[in-house]
Amino acid sequence: EIMSDNVKFISEIERLLKQKQDDYGEFDHTSYVMSGILEKYLSVYNNVEVKVPLKLFGLFMIFLKCWRVMQSDNYKKDSFDDINGYAELLRRLVINEQEKR
């Protein structure tokens, strides 16, 4: 029973990630672009070079989704699906970055 639930959960996450990738593009690419934008903006604003880790975008999106859950009195399945999806994408990003070192 538990194994079956785990398989369903993994299948649902994979389906969601594929759909989001088709709609919005590669998460790793988006993380790279968003980190670059933040680095440039913060560097100019502070007049000093600022580095932003790639994982910041994924963390920010998880925080945003958590905030939306906190602000709503109603259960919204897609909010929790998004949190799970971003956590999985962030996990993969961190593993990929570690393997590159």
N, C-alpha and C. Protein backbone atom coordinates (compact mmCIF):
# COMPACT_ATOMS: atom_id res chain seq x y z
N GLU A 1 0.84 -1.21 0.00
CA GLU A 1 0.00 0.00 0.00
C GLU A 1 0.87 1.26 0.00
N ILE A 2 1.84 1.32 0.94
CA ILE A 2 2.71 2.50 1.02
C ILE A 2 3.55 2.62 -0.25
N MET A 3 4.07 1.49 -0.73
CA MET A 3 4.89 1.51 -1.94
C MET A 3 4.06 2.01 -3.13
N SER A 4 2.82 1.57 -3.20
CA SER A 4 1.93 2.00 -4.28
C SER A 4 1.69 3.51 -4.21
N ASP A 5 1.50 4.04 -3.01
CA ASP A 5 1.31 5.48 -2.83
C ASP A 5 2.57 6.24 -3.25
N ASN A 6 3.75 5.71 -2.91
CA ASN A 6 5.01 6.35 -3.30
C ASN A 6 5.17 6.38 -4.82
N VAL A 7 4.82 5.29 -5.48
CA VAL A 7 4.91 5.23 -6.94
C VAL A 7 3.95 6.23 -7.56
N LYS A 8 2.74 6.33 -7.03
CA LYS A 8 1.76 7.31 -7.53
C LYS A 8 2.29 8.73 -7.35
N PHE A 9 2.87 9.00 -6.18
CA PHE A 9 3.40 10.34 -5.89
C PHE A 9 4.53 10.69 -6.86
N ILE A 10 5.46 9.75 -7.07
CA ILE A 10 6.58 9.98 -7.98
C ILE A 10 6.08 10.18 -9.40
N SER A 11 5.12 9.36 -9.82
CA SER A 11 4.55 9.50 -11.16
C SER A 11 3.87 10.85 -11.33
N GLU A 12 3.16 11.29 -10.33
CA GLU A 12 2.48 12.59 -10.38
C GLU A 12 3.49 13.73 -10.45
N ILE A 13 4.55 13.66 -9.65
CA ILE A 13 5.60 14.68 -9.69
C ILE A 13 6.25 14.72 -11.07
N GLU A 14 6.59 13.57 -11.61
CA GLU A 14 7.22 13.52 -12.93
C GLU A 14 6.30 14.10 -14.00
N ARG A 15 5.01 13.80 -13.93
CA ARG A 15 4.04 14.35 -14.89
C ARG A 15 3.98 15.86 -14.76
N LEU A 16 3.92 16.34 -13.53
CA LEU A 16 3.86 17.78 -13.28
C LEU A 16 5.12 18.48 -13.79
N LEU A 17 6.29 17.90 -13.51
CA LEU A 17 7.55 18.52 -13.95
C LEU A 17 7.65 18.56 -15.47
N LYS A 18 7.20 17.52 -16.13
CA LYS A 18 7.21 17.48 -17.59
C LYS A 18 6.27 18.55 -18.16
N GLN A 19 5.10 18.67 -17.58
CA GLN A 19 4.13 19.69 -18.03
C GLN A 19 4.70 21.09 -17.84
N LYS A 20 5.26 21.36 -16.68
CA LYS A 20 5.83 22.69 -16.39
C LYS A 20 7.01 22.98 -17.31
N GLN A 21 7.84 21.97 -17.57
CA GLN A 21 8.98 22.17 -18.47
C GLN A 21 8.48 22.50 -19.87
N ASP A 22 7.46 21.80 -20.32
CA ASP A 22 6.89 22.09 -21.64
C ASP A 22 6.32 23.51 -21.70
N ASP A 23 5.70 23.95 -20.59
CA ASP A 23 5.08 25.28 -20.54
C ASP A 23 6.09 26.41 -20.37
N TYR A 24 7.10 26.19 -19.51
CA TYR A 24 7.97 27.29 -19.08
C TYR A 24 9.45 27.11 -19.41
N GLY A 25 9.85 25.95 -19.89
CA GLY A 25 11.26 25.72 -20.19
C GLY A 25 11.98 25.04 -19.03
N GLU A 26 13.28 24.85 -19.24
CA GLU A 26 14.12 24.15 -18.26
C GLU A 26 14.30 24.96 -16.98
N PHE A 27 14.07 24.32 -15.84
CA PHE A 27 14.25 24.96 -14.55
C PHE A 27 15.68 25.44 -14.35
N ASP A 28 16.65 24.62 -14.73
CA ASP A 28 18.06 24.99 -14.57
C ASP A 28 18.38 26.26 -15.36
N HIS A 29 17.84 26.38 -16.56
CA HIS A 29 18.07 27.57 -17.39
C HIS A 29 17.44 28.80 -16.73
N THR A 30 16.22 28.63 -16.24
CA THR A 30 15.54 29.74 -15.57
C THR A 30 16.31 30.17 -14.33
N SER A 31 16.81 29.20 -13.56
CA SER A 31 17.60 29.51 -12.36
C SER A 31 18.84 30.30 -12.73
N TYR A 32 19.50 29.89 -13.80
CA TYR A 32 20.71 30.57 -14.26
C TYR A 32 20.40 32.02 -14.67
N VAL A 33 19.34 32.20 -15.44
CA VAL A 33 18.97 33.55 -15.90
C VAL A 33 18.56 34.43 -14.72
N MET A 34 17.71 33.91 -13.84
CA MET A 34 17.24 34.71 -12.71
C MET A 34 18.39 35.06 -11.75
N SER A 35 19.30 34.13 -11.52
CA SER A 35 20.46 34.42 -10.68
C SER A 35 21.31 35.51 -11.32
N GLY A 36 21.49 35.43 -12.63
CA GLY A 36 22.26 36.45 -13.35
C GLY A 36 21.62 37.83 -13.27
N ILE A 37 20.31 37.88 -13.45
CA ILE A 37 19.60 39.16 -13.34
C ILE A 37 19.76 39.75 -11.95
N LEU A 38 19.58 38.92 -10.93
CA LEU A 38 19.73 39.40 -9.55
C LEU A 38 21.16 39.86 -9.28
N GLU A 39 22.15 39.10 -9.77
CA GLU A 39 23.55 39.51 -9.58
C GLU A 39 23.81 40.88 -10.19
N LYS A 40 23.38 41.07 -11.42
CA LYS A 40 23.63 42.36 -12.11
C LYS A 40 22.91 43.49 -11.40
N TYR A 41 21.64 43.29 -11.09
CA TYR A 41 20.87 44.35 -10.44
C TYR A 41 21.48 44.71 -9.08
N LEU A 42 21.74 43.71 -8.25
CA LEU A 42 22.28 43.97 -6.92
C LEU A 42 23.69 44.55 -6.98
N SER A 43 24.48 44.13 -7.96
CA SER A 43 25.83 44.67 -8.11
C SER A 43 25.79 46.15 -8.46
N VAL A 44 24.93 46.51 -9.40
CA VAL A 44 24.80 47.93 -9.79
C VAL A 44 24.22 48.73 -8.62
N TYR A 45 23.18 48.22 -8.00
CA TYR A 45 22.53 48.93 -6.91
C TYR A 45 23.48 49.18 -5.75
N ASN A 46 24.31 48.18 -5.42
CA ASN A 46 25.22 48.29 -4.28
C ASN A 46 26.62 48.77 -4.66
N ASN A 47 26.86 48.95 -5.96
CA ASN A 47 28.16 49.39 -6.46
C ASN A 47 29.29 48.47 -6.00
N VAL A 48 28.98 47.19 -5.96
CA VAL A 48 29.95 46.16 -5.60
C VAL A 48 29.49 44.85 -6.25
N GLU A 49 30.45 44.01 -6.65
CA GLU A 49 30.07 42.74 -7.28
C GLU A 49 29.37 41.83 -6.27
N VAL A 50 28.20 41.34 -6.65
CA VAL A 50 27.40 40.47 -5.79
C VAL A 50 27.21 39.14 -6.52
N LYS A 51 27.39 38.05 -5.80
CA LYS A 51 27.15 36.72 -6.35
C LYS A 51 25.85 36.16 -5.77
N VAL A 52 25.06 35.53 -6.63
CA VAL A 52 23.80 34.92 -6.22
C VAL A 52 23.86 33.44 -6.58
N PRO A 53 23.68 32.54 -5.61
CA PRO A 53 23.74 31.11 -5.92
C PRO A 53 22.56 30.67 -6.80
N LEU A 54 22.81 29.70 -7.66
CA LEU A 54 21.77 29.19 -8.56
C LEU A 54 20.55 28.69 -7.78
N LYS A 55 20.79 28.12 -6.62
CA LYS A 55 19.67 27.54 -5.87
C LYS A 55 18.72 28.58 -5.28
N LEU A 56 19.10 29.85 -5.31
CA LEU A 56 18.24 30.88 -4.72
C LEU A 56 16.88 30.96 -5.41
N PHE A 57 16.85 30.82 -6.74
CA PHE A 57 15.58 30.91 -7.46
C PHE A 57 14.61 29.83 -6.98
N GLY A 58 15.07 28.58 -6.89
CA GLY A 58 14.21 27.50 -6.43
C GLY A 58 13.72 27.72 -5.01
N LEU A 59 14.63 28.16 -4.15
CA LEU A 59 14.24 28.45 -2.76
C LEU A 59 13.21 29.57 -2.71
N PHE A 60 13.42 30.61 -3.50
CA PHE A 60 12.47 31.72 -3.53
C PHE A 60 11.08 31.23 -3.97
N MET A 61 11.03 30.39 -4.99
CA MET A 61 9.74 29.90 -5.48
C MET A 61 9.04 29.04 -4.42
N ILE A 62 9.81 28.24 -3.68
CA ILE A 62 9.22 27.45 -2.59
C ILE A 62 8.67 28.39 -1.51
N PHE A 63 9.44 29.41 -1.14
CA PHE A 63 8.97 30.39 -0.15
C PHE A 63 7.70 31.08 -0.62
N LEU A 64 7.67 31.45 -1.90
CA LEU A 64 6.49 32.12 -2.46
C LEU A 64 5.26 31.21 -2.36
N LYS A 65 5.41 29.96 -2.74
CA LYS A 65 4.29 29.02 -2.68
C LYS A 65 3.85 28.78 -1.23
N CYS A 66 4.80 28.69 -0.31
CA CYS A 66 4.46 28.53 1.11
C CYS A 66 3.69 29.75 1.62
N TRP A 67 4.11 30.92 1.20
CA TRP A 67 3.42 32.15 1.61
C TRP A 67 1.98 32.14 1.11
N ARG A 68 1.77 31.68 -0.12
CA ARG A 68 0.41 31.61 -0.65
C ARG A 68 -0.45 30.63 0.14
N VAL A 69 0.16 29.52 0.57
CA VAL A 69 -0.57 28.56 1.40
C VAL A 69 -0.97 29.23 2.72
N MET A 70 -0.04 29.97 3.31
CA MET A 70 -0.32 30.64 4.58
C MET A 70 -1.42 31.69 4.45
N GLN A 71 -1.52 32.33 3.31
CA GLN A 71 -2.47 33.42 3.12
C GLN A 71 -3.87 32.93 2.75
N SER A 72 -4.01 31.67 2.45
CA SER A 72 -5.30 31.13 2.02
C SER A 72 -5.92 30.27 3.11
N ASP A 73 -7.22 30.39 3.27
CA ASP A 73 -7.94 29.53 4.21
C ASP A 73 -8.41 28.24 3.53
N ASN A 74 -8.24 28.17 2.22
CA ASN A 74 -8.72 27.02 1.46
C ASN A 74 -7.56 26.16 0.99
N TYR A 75 -7.83 24.86 0.93
CA TYR A 75 -6.85 23.92 0.40
C TYR A 75 -6.81 24.07 -1.12
N LYS A 76 -5.62 24.26 -1.65
CA LYS A 76 -5.43 24.33 -3.10
C LYS A 76 -4.35 23.32 -3.46
N LYS A 77 -4.77 22.22 -4.05
CA LYS A 77 -3.86 21.13 -4.38
C LYS A 77 -2.68 21.61 -5.20
N ASP A 78 -2.92 22.49 -6.16
CA ASP A 78 -1.83 22.93 -7.03
C ASP A 78 -0.73 23.65 -6.27
N SER A 79 -1.06 24.32 -5.17
CA SER A 79 -0.03 24.98 -4.36
C SER A 79 0.93 23.95 -3.78
N PHE A 80 0.39 22.86 -3.27
CA PHE A 80 1.22 21.81 -2.69
C PHE A 80 1.97 21.04 -3.77
N ASP A 81 1.33 20.85 -4.91
CA ASP A 81 2.02 20.22 -6.04
C ASP A 81 3.20 21.07 -6.48
N ASP A 82 3.00 22.38 -6.52
CA ASP A 82 4.08 23.29 -6.91
C ASP A 82 5.24 23.24 -5.91
N ILE A 83 4.92 23.23 -4.62
CA ILE A 83 5.97 23.15 -3.60
C ILE A 83 6.77 21.86 -3.78
N ASN A 84 6.07 20.75 -3.95
CA ASN A 84 6.76 19.47 -4.17
C ASN A 84 7.59 19.51 -5.45
N GLY A 85 7.04 20.09 -6.50
CA GLY A 85 7.74 20.18 -7.77
C GLY A 85 9.00 21.02 -7.67
N TYR A 86 8.90 22.19 -7.07
CA TYR A 86 10.09 23.04 -6.92
C TYR A 86 11.13 22.39 -6.01
N ALA A 87 10.68 21.69 -4.97
CA ALA A 87 11.64 21.00 -4.10
C ALA A 87 12.39 19.93 -4.89
N GLU A 88 11.70 19.20 -5.74
CA GLU A 88 12.36 18.16 -6.54
C GLU A 88 13.32 18.78 -7.56
N LEU A 89 12.88 19.84 -8.22
CA LEU A 89 13.77 20.51 -9.19
C LEU A 89 15.00 21.08 -8.50
N LEU A 90 14.82 21.66 -7.32
CA LEU A 90 15.94 22.21 -6.57
C LEU A 90 16.89 21.08 -6.14
N ARG A 91 16.33 19.96 -5.71
CA ARG A 91 17.16 18.80 -5.34
C ARG A 91 18.03 18.37 -6.51
N ARG A 92 17.43 18.28 -7.68
CA ARG A 92 18.17 17.87 -8.88
C ARG A 92 19.24 18.89 -9.26
N LEU A 93 18.91 20.17 -9.14
CA LEU A 93 19.87 21.23 -9.44
C LEU A 93 21.08 21.14 -8.53
N VAL A 94 20.85 20.96 -7.23
CA VAL A 94 21.93 20.88 -6.26
C VAL A 94 22.81 19.65 -6.54
N ILE A 95 22.18 18.53 -6.85
CA ILE A 95 22.95 17.32 -7.18
C ILE A 95 23.78 17.54 -8.44
N ASN A 96 23.19 18.14 -9.47
CA ASN A 96 23.92 18.41 -10.71
C ASN A 96 25.10 19.35 -10.47
N GLU A 97 24.90 20.37 -9.66
CA GLU A 97 25.97 21.31 -9.37
C GLU A 97 27.09 20.61 -8.59
N GLN A 98 26.74 19.74 -7.68
CA GLN A 98 27.73 18.99 -6.89
C GLN A 98 28.54 18.08 -7.80
N GLU A 99 27.88 17.43 -8.75
CA GLU A 99 28.56 16.51 -9.65
C GLU A 99 29.51 17.24 -10.60
N LYS A 100 29.25 18.52 -10.87
CA LYS A 100 30.12 19.31 -11.75
C LYS A 100 31.43 19.70 -11.07
N ARG A 101 31.45 19.71 -9.73
CA ARG A 101 32.66 20.10 -9.00
C ARG A 101 33.72 19.05 -9.05
